[in-house]
Amino acid sequence: MAEMMKINVEELESGMIVAENIIEPGSERVLLLKDTILDSVMIFNLKERYNIDTVYIKKTFSASTVSDEMRAEINIHQSLSTLKEVFGDDDGAPITEFTNEASQHIKNVTNDLITSLYADDNILLKMHQLQSYDDYTYKHCLRVAMMSVTIGKSLGLPENKMHDLCEAALLHDLGKRTIDVDIIRKPGRLTDSEFAAVKKHPQNGYLLLRKNGRYTEEIMNAVLMHHEKYDGTGYPLGLKGEQITYLARIITVADVYDALTSNRPYRQPWSVAEAEEFMMGGANTHFDYDIILAFLNAFAPFPVGSTVLLSDGRKATVVSNNTNVLRPVIKTEDEETIDLYNDFKYLTLSIKALDKSEIKEINV
């Protein structure tokens, strides 16, 4: 029989093998069976959802066997936990200052994210794992940072700019944590005065960072300008075109896409296809055209290997992507291969959405 050892949940790593059944505290329910190979989702839930302190694992585990992709996944979920400490839940007390300790946490998360996203390009499914109904600001900021860095890669940004971009994206909605929770979590339509309060969050975030004193003007301006629109119809300053800093223009694209595809108290999320069509339609009005092209290049809406729902009710698996990222090559459940872009007899067949029942949700 394989030897086992008892370790703290904080020390668990993806790839470790459970040596004994893990039981939910206070009940007889088995959470994970013996011989289960742990992944970051399981580890995160054991720690955050079920408050498990220690588990028994088999000694045969070797950290050197963990793949780069799995390490990237570990870093992303550790980043989520750190951001929760920095931002807190939206229904907690509003933030009145941003400490130097919080700044260091953001810098550490930035380093981990950039390393992780260079190791693993396929982040769209990971972003969907991070979505849930209780979609707190810190989760949204992490996804926007992941997207922004990936867009930055597609644009060929130098390393120092990538770090500035990631920090600014992680902090872009910091100012929302200064607003009354009843407004932020309101399920219905905001009143004019409530919306006016929400529209102050870019300035509030800018002022928190300025008071902190550790951020460059470029990072602070990206936070300030992330709701400006390319045609000048945004807020708070009504800037247009290249008056809006380059980093802010990138974050705007990531921010809007994530907002459209995420759960909100007042509406259901848009499908990936609907959101990307909206983004394409907003090029040169809401968004910088070149950044939209980089976004579409970086984010195939239906990653290879993902399960999708078709307009005729069937499910299919994505085999490869075409130039038109909304119409990839797919294989149906009955093993029929269909090229949605080049096979004209399937012009009326389309993908409605990713099949989210196939994606494990992370509860925090």
Protein backbone atom coordinates (compact mmCIF):
# COMPACT_ATOMS: atom_id res chain seq x y z
CA MET A 1 0.00 0.00 0.00
CA ALA A 2 1.31 3.43 -0.95
CA GLU A 3 2.60 5.56 1.93
CA MET A 4 0.62 8.64 2.80
CA MET A 5 1.19 11.88 4.65
CA LYS A 6 -1.05 14.46 6.29
CA ILE A 7 -0.58 17.99 4.98
CA ASN A 8 -2.21 21.40 5.37
CA VAL A 9 -4.65 22.38 2.61
CA GLU A 10 -2.54 25.52 2.02
CA GLU A 11 0.29 23.20 0.86
CA LEU A 12 -1.77 21.18 -1.62
CA GLU A 13 -0.76 21.28 -5.28
CA SER A 14 -2.48 20.17 -8.45
CA GLY A 15 -1.53 16.59 -9.31
CA MET A 16 -1.42 15.32 -5.73
CA ILE A 17 -3.38 12.10 -5.10
CA VAL A 18 -5.90 11.78 -2.26
CA ALA A 19 -4.96 8.89 0.06
CA GLU A 20 -8.22 8.73 2.07
CA ASN A 21 -11.79 9.86 1.39
CA ILE A 22 -12.29 13.53 2.28
CA ILE A 23 -15.45 14.00 4.35
CA GLU A 24 -17.40 17.26 4.73
CA PRO A 25 -17.05 18.56 8.31
CA GLY A 26 -20.18 17.99 10.38
CA SER A 27 -21.67 15.44 8.00
CA GLU A 28 -21.03 12.05 6.42
CA ARG A 29 -20.91 13.39 2.86
CA VAL A 30 -17.85 12.37 0.84
CA LEU A 31 -16.40 15.38 -0.95
CA LEU A 32 -13.55 13.58 -2.73
CA LEU A 33 -12.88 9.87 -3.03
CA LYS A 34 -9.59 8.15 -2.31
CA ASP A 35 -7.26 8.13 -5.36
CA THR A 36 -8.73 11.37 -6.75
CA ILE A 37 -6.08 13.45 -8.53
CA LEU A 38 -6.42 17.00 -7.23
CA ASP A 39 -6.75 20.05 -9.45
CA SER A 40 -6.83 23.72 -8.47
CA VAL A 41 -10.65 23.86 -8.48
CA MET A 42 -10.87 21.03 -5.95
CA ILE A 43 -8.16 22.57 -3.78
CA PHE A 44 -9.78 25.99 -3.82
CA ASN A 45 -13.17 24.56 -2.84
CA LEU A 46 -11.69 22.45 -0.03
CA LYS A 47 -10.13 25.56 1.46
CA GLU A 48 -12.68 28.28 0.74
CA ARG A 49 -16.03 26.50 0.55
CA TYR A 50 -15.69 23.58 2.94
CA ASN A 51 -13.03 24.92 5.35
CA ILE A 52 -11.00 21.72 5.26
CA ASP A 53 -7.75 22.14 7.22
CA THR A 54 -5.74 19.01 6.43
CA VAL A 55 -5.92 16.02 4.08
CA TYR A 56 -4.00 12.80 3.54
CA ILE A 57 -2.18 12.46 0.23
CA LYS A 58 -0.03 9.72 -1.26
CA LYS A 59 3.72 10.22 -0.99
CA THR A 60 4.16 9.18 -4.61
CA PHE A 61 3.39 12.77 -5.70
CA SER A 62 6.27 14.76 -7.15
CA ALA A 63 5.91 18.49 -7.75
CA SER A 64 8.20 18.18 -10.77
CA THR A 65 5.44 16.30 -12.59
CA VAL A 66 3.09 19.31 -12.57
CA SER A 67 2.75 20.77 -16.07
CA ASP A 68 3.31 24.42 -16.92
CA GLU A 69 -0.40 24.71 -17.72
CA MET A 70 -1.35 23.29 -14.34
CA ARG A 71 1.07 25.64 -12.58
CA ALA A 72 -0.53 28.51 -14.49
CA GLU A 73 -3.92 27.38 -13.22
CA ILE A 74 -2.62 27.25 -9.64
CA ASN A 75 -1.27 30.80 -9.93
CA ILE A 76 -4.57 32.12 -11.27
CA HIS A 77 -6.56 30.74 -8.36
CA GLN A 78 -4.00 31.89 -5.83
CA SER A 79 -4.33 35.33 -7.43
CA LEU A 80 -8.09 35.18 -6.94
CA SER A 81 -7.65 34.46 -3.24
CA THR A 82 -5.18 37.34 -2.87
CA LEU A 83 -7.49 39.79 -4.64
CA LYS A 84 -10.30 38.79 -2.30
CA GLU A 85 -8.07 39.86 0.60
CA VAL A 86 -7.26 43.19 -1.08
CA PHE A 87 -10.77 44.12 -2.26
CA GLY A 88 -13.04 42.20 0.12
CA ASP A 89 -16.60 41.29 -0.85
CA ASP A 90 -18.80 44.00 -2.38
CA ASP A 91 -21.21 43.69 0.55
CA GLY A 92 -18.46 44.55 3.03
CA ALA A 93 -17.55 47.98 4.36
CA PRO A 94 -16.44 50.47 1.66
CA ILE A 95 -12.70 51.00 1.15
CA THR A 96 -11.35 54.35 2.37
CA GLU A 97 -7.64 53.85 1.64
CA PHE A 98 -5.34 51.65 -0.41
CA THR A 99 -2.40 50.53 1.71
CA ASN A 100 1.21 49.82 0.75
CA GLU A 101 0.62 46.19 1.74
CA ALA A 102 -2.27 46.01 -0.74
CA SER A 103 -0.02 47.53 -3.42
CA GLN A 104 2.57 44.81 -2.85
CA HIS A 105 -0.14 42.14 -3.14
CA ILE A 106 -1.19 43.62 -6.50
CA LYS A 107 2.42 43.60 -7.71
CA ASN A 108 2.79 39.94 -6.67
CA VAL A 109 -0.45 38.99 -8.45
CA THR A 110 0.75 40.86 -11.55
CA ASN A 111 3.99 38.86 -11.65
CA ASP A 112 2.13 35.56 -11.19
CA LEU A 113 -0.49 36.37 -13.83
CA ILE A 114 1.98 37.44 -16.49
CA THR A 115 4.06 34.31 -15.92
CA SER A 116 0.94 32.14 -16.03
CA LEU A 117 -0.60 33.70 -19.13
CA TYR A 118 2.63 33.39 -21.08
CA ALA A 119 2.63 29.69 -20.20
CA ASP A 120 -0.99 29.08 -21.18
CA ASP A 121 -2.78 30.95 -23.98
CA ASN A 122 -6.11 29.15 -23.62
CA ILE A 123 -7.60 31.29 -20.84
CA LEU A 124 -11.20 31.68 -22.01
CA LEU A 125 -12.39 28.55 -20.24
CA LYS A 126 -10.51 29.56 -17.09
CA MET A 127 -12.32 32.89 -17.19
CA HIS A 128 -15.67 31.11 -17.36
CA GLN A 129 -14.60 29.03 -14.34
CA LEU A 130 -14.20 32.28 -12.45
CA GLN A 131 -17.75 33.42 -13.21
CA SER A 132 -20.60 32.86 -10.79
CA TYR A 133 -23.81 34.59 -9.76
CA ASP A 134 -22.04 36.26 -6.83
CA ASP A 135 -19.74 38.06 -9.23
CA TYR A 136 -17.80 40.29 -6.90
CA THR A 137 -15.60 43.17 -8.08
CA TYR A 138 -12.37 41.31 -7.34
CA LYS A 139 -13.38 38.42 -9.63
CA HIS A 140 -14.27 40.82 -12.44
CA CYS A 141 -10.94 42.65 -12.01
CA LEU A 142 -9.00 39.38 -12.24
CA ARG A 143 -10.76 38.36 -15.46
CA VAL A 144 -10.25 41.82 -16.98
CA ALA A 145 -6.54 41.63 -16.11
CA MET A 146 -6.27 38.18 -17.71
CA MET A 147 -7.93 39.46 -20.86
CA SER A 148 -5.96 42.70 -20.95
CA VAL A 149 -2.62 40.89 -20.68
CA THR A 150 -3.63 38.50 -23.46
CA ILE A 151 -4.66 41.41 -25.70
CA GLY A 152 -1.37 43.12 -24.82
CA LYS A 153 0.51 40.02 -25.96
CA SER A 154 -1.36 40.10 -29.25
CA LEU A 155 -0.40 43.77 -29.67
CA GLY A 156 3.27 43.03 -28.92
CA LEU A 157 3.55 45.29 -25.86
CA PRO A 158 7.02 45.32 -24.22
CA GLU A 159 7.41 43.66 -20.83
CA ASN A 160 7.42 46.84 -18.76
CA LYS A 161 4.16 47.99 -20.38
CA MET A 162 2.63 44.56 -19.78
CA HIS A 163 3.24 44.93 -16.05
CA ASP A 164 1.71 48.42 -16.04
CA LEU A 165 -1.27 47.11 -18.04
CA CYS A 166 -1.84 44.20 -15.66
CA GLU A 167 -1.64 46.35 -12.52
CA ALA A 168 -4.00 48.94 -13.99
CA ALA A 169 -6.48 46.25 -15.06
CA LEU A 170 -6.41 44.61 -11.62
CA LEU A 171 -7.18 48.00 -10.08
CA HIS A 172 -9.51 49.47 -12.72
CA ASP A 173 -12.66 49.02 -10.60
CA LEU A 174 -11.07 49.68 -7.20
CA GLY A 175 -13.23 52.82 -6.95
CA LYS A 176 -16.40 50.70 -6.94
CA ARG A 177 -15.43 49.56 -3.46
CA THR A 178 -15.89 53.13 -2.26
CA ILE A 179 -19.58 53.16 -3.27
CA ASP A 180 -22.50 52.19 -1.04
CA VAL A 181 -23.11 48.44 -1.25
CA ASP A 182 -26.86 48.90 -1.74
CA ILE A 183 -26.14 50.68 -5.02
CA ILE A 184 -23.51 48.23 -6.26
CA ARG A 185 -25.66 45.16 -5.50
CA LYS A 186 -29.03 46.68 -6.51
CA PRO A 187 -30.89 44.13 -8.69
CA GLY A 188 -33.05 46.68 -10.54
CA ARG A 189 -32.55 49.84 -12.56
CA LEU A 190 -30.50 52.57 -10.86
CA THR A 191 -31.98 56.00 -10.24
CA ASP A 192 -30.25 59.01 -11.80
CA SER A 193 -28.56 59.87 -8.50
CA GLU A 194 -27.44 56.26 -7.97
CA PHE A 195 -26.00 56.09 -11.49
CA ALA A 196 -24.21 59.40 -10.89
CA ALA A 197 -22.60 57.84 -7.80
CA VAL A 198 -21.49 54.77 -9.77
CA LYS A 199 -20.01 56.99 -12.50
CA LYS A 200 -17.65 58.48 -9.91
CA HIS A 201 -15.81 55.18 -9.42
CA PRO A 202 -13.02 55.92 -11.96
CA GLN A 203 -12.14 59.17 -10.15
CA ASN A 204 -12.46 57.46 -6.75
CA GLY A 205 -10.06 54.73 -7.80
CA TYR A 206 -7.63 57.28 -9.24
CA LEU A 207 -7.66 59.27 -5.98
CA LEU A 208 -7.05 56.16 -3.85
CA LEU A 209 -4.00 55.29 -5.96
CA ARG A 210 -2.74 58.87 -5.99
CA LYS A 211 -2.98 59.01 -2.19
CA ASN A 212 -1.10 55.71 -1.98
CA GLY A 213 1.81 57.31 -3.84
CA ARG A 214 3.28 54.16 -5.39
CA TYR A 215 1.69 54.31 -8.84
CA THR A 216 2.77 55.99 -12.07
CA GLU A 217 0.56 58.48 -13.88
CA GLU A 218 0.19 55.93 -16.68
CA ILE A 219 -1.36 53.34 -14.35
CA MET A 220 -3.52 55.89 -12.54
CA ASN A 221 -4.75 57.40 -15.84
CA ALA A 222 -5.67 53.94 -17.14
CA VAL A 223 -7.86 53.49 -14.05
CA LEU A 224 -9.32 56.98 -14.51
CA MET A 225 -10.09 56.56 -18.23
CA HIS A 226 -11.37 52.98 -18.53
CA HIS A 227 -14.95 54.19 -19.18
CA GLU A 228 -14.00 56.69 -21.88
CA LYS A 229 -15.19 55.82 -25.40
CA TYR A 230 -13.24 56.24 -28.61
CA ASP A 231 -15.86 58.62 -30.06
CA GLY A 232 -15.86 60.89 -26.97
CA THR A 233 -19.19 59.77 -25.49
CA GLY A 234 -17.75 58.10 -22.40
CA TYR A 235 -17.06 59.35 -18.88
CA PRO A 236 -15.76 60.95 -16.67
CA LEU A 237 -13.82 63.35 -18.93
CA GLY A 238 -15.45 62.85 -22.36
CA LEU A 239 -12.07 62.14 -23.98
CA LYS A 240 -11.85 60.73 -27.52
CA GLY A 241 -9.40 58.87 -29.73
CA GLU A 242 -5.77 59.08 -28.69
CA GLN A 243 -6.62 61.46 -25.85
CA ILE A 244 -7.45 58.22 -24.04
CA THR A 245 -4.27 56.47 -22.93
CA TYR A 246 -3.34 53.28 -24.77
CA LEU A 247 -3.56 51.10 -21.65
CA ALA A 248 -7.02 52.47 -20.88
CA ARG A 249 -8.18 51.65 -24.42
CA ILE A 250 -7.07 48.02 -23.95
CA ILE A 251 -8.72 47.71 -20.53
CA THR A 252 -11.96 49.19 -21.92
CA VAL A 253 -12.25 46.36 -24.45
CA ALA A 254 -11.60 43.69 -21.80
CA ASP A 255 -13.93 45.39 -19.29
CA VAL A 256 -16.91 45.65 -21.64
CA TYR A 257 -16.54 42.10 -22.95
CA ASP A 258 -16.36 40.65 -19.44
CA ALA A 259 -19.33 42.74 -18.28
CA LEU A 260 -21.45 41.51 -21.19
CA THR A 261 -20.63 37.82 -20.66
CA SER A 262 -20.95 37.83 -16.85
CA ASN A 263 -23.94 37.38 -14.59
CA ARG A 264 -25.46 40.58 -13.26
CA PRO A 265 -28.23 40.98 -10.65
CA TYR A 266 -30.42 42.66 -13.29
CA ARG A 267 -29.80 40.44 -16.37
CA GLN A 268 -28.53 37.15 -17.74
CA PRO A 269 -25.09 37.03 -19.40
CA TRP A 270 -24.79 37.47 -23.15
CA SER A 271 -23.51 34.57 -25.19
CA VAL A 272 -19.91 34.69 -26.41
CA ALA A 273 -21.10 35.16 -29.99
CA GLU A 274 -23.46 38.02 -29.07
CA ALA A 275 -20.74 39.77 -27.09
CA GLU A 276 -18.09 39.47 -29.80
CA GLU A 277 -20.50 40.71 -32.46
CA PHE A 278 -21.24 43.73 -30.25
CA MET A 279 -17.52 44.38 -29.79
CA MET A 280 -16.91 44.21 -33.54
CA GLY A 281 -19.80 46.59 -34.13
CA GLY A 282 -18.30 49.09 -31.67
CA ALA A 283 -14.92 49.37 -33.40
CA ASN A 284 -14.02 53.05 -33.99
CA THR A 285 -17.03 54.24 -31.96
CA HIS A 286 -16.77 52.75 -28.48
CA PHE A 287 -13.43 51.04 -29.07
CA ASP A 288 -10.07 51.49 -30.78
CA TYR A 289 -10.28 49.51 -34.05
CA ASP A 290 -6.73 48.11 -33.82
CA ILE A 291 -7.31 46.89 -30.28
CA ILE A 292 -10.55 45.17 -31.33
CA LEU A 293 -8.60 43.34 -34.05
CA ALA A 294 -6.03 42.24 -31.45
CA PHE A 295 -8.85 41.16 -29.12
CA LEU A 296 -10.47 39.01 -31.82
CA ASN A 297 -7.09 37.54 -32.72
CA ALA A 298 -6.35 36.70 -29.09
CA PHE A 299 -9.77 35.35 -28.08
CA ALA A 300 -11.29 32.64 -30.13
CA PRO A 301 -14.76 32.71 -28.55
CA PHE A 302 -15.06 28.94 -28.79
CA PRO A 303 -11.72 27.37 -27.79
CA VAL A 304 -10.61 24.14 -29.46
CA GLY A 305 -11.91 21.23 -27.41
CA SER A 306 -14.81 23.16 -25.88
CA THR A 307 -18.41 21.93 -26.07
CA VAL A 308 -20.87 24.26 -27.77
CA LEU A 309 -24.65 24.44 -28.19
CA LEU A 310 -25.89 24.71 -31.77
CA SER A 311 -28.91 26.61 -33.07
CA ASP A 312 -30.61 23.31 -34.03
CA GLY A 313 -30.43 22.02 -30.45
CA ARG A 314 -27.44 19.70 -30.85
CA LYS A 315 -24.13 19.78 -29.03
CA ALA A 316 -20.75 19.74 -30.74
CA THR A 317 -17.04 19.91 -29.99
CA VAL A 318 -14.83 22.61 -31.53
CA VAL A 319 -12.13 21.01 -33.70
CA SER A 320 -10.35 24.10 -35.08
CA ASN A 321 -10.91 27.82 -35.65
CA ASN A 322 -11.41 29.73 -38.90
CA THR A 323 -10.62 33.32 -39.86
CA ASN A 324 -14.18 34.11 -38.76
CA VAL A 325 -13.83 33.14 -35.10
CA LEU A 326 -17.59 32.89 -34.65
CA ARG A 327 -17.82 30.00 -37.16
CA PRO A 328 -15.22 27.31 -36.37
CA VAL A 329 -14.92 23.70 -37.53
CA ILE A 330 -16.98 21.45 -35.23
CA LYS A 331 -17.74 17.77 -34.69
CA THR A 332 -21.31 16.91 -33.67
CA GLU A 333 -22.37 14.24 -31.20
CA ASP A 334 -23.05 11.88 -34.12
CA GLU A 335 -19.45 12.37 -35.37
CA GLU A 336 -20.30 14.69 -38.27
CA THR A 337 -17.55 17.23 -39.00
CA ILE A 338 -18.89 20.61 -40.11
CA ASP A 339 -16.96 23.68 -41.27
CA LEU A 340 -19.39 26.44 -40.30
CA TYR A 341 -17.49 29.09 -42.27
CA ASN A 342 -16.68 27.34 -45.55
CA ASP A 343 -19.47 24.77 -45.91
CA PHE A 344 -22.30 26.80 -47.48
CA LYS A 345 -25.00 24.20 -46.89
CA TYR A 346 -24.70 25.04 -43.18
CA LEU A 347 -25.14 28.80 -43.53
CA THR A 348 -28.22 28.75 -41.28
CA LEU A 349 -26.52 26.67 -38.58
CA SER A 350 -24.75 28.66 -35.87
CA ILE A 351 -23.31 28.35 -32.39
CA LYS A 352 -25.56 29.75 -29.69
CA ALA A 353 -23.21 29.49 -26.73
CA LEU A 354 -20.53 27.56 -24.90
CA ASP A 355 -22.03 24.66 -22.99
CA LYS A 356 -21.36 25.90 -19.46
CA SER A 357 -22.58 22.62 -17.97
CA GLU A 358 -19.22 21.25 -19.12
CA ILE A 359 -17.28 23.93 -17.21
CA LYS A 360 -16.57 23.51 -13.50
CA GLU A 361 -17.59 26.57 -11.49
CA ILE A 362 -15.38 27.90 -8.74
CA ASN A 363 -17.23 28.94 -5.60
CA VAL A 364 -15.50 31.46 -3.38
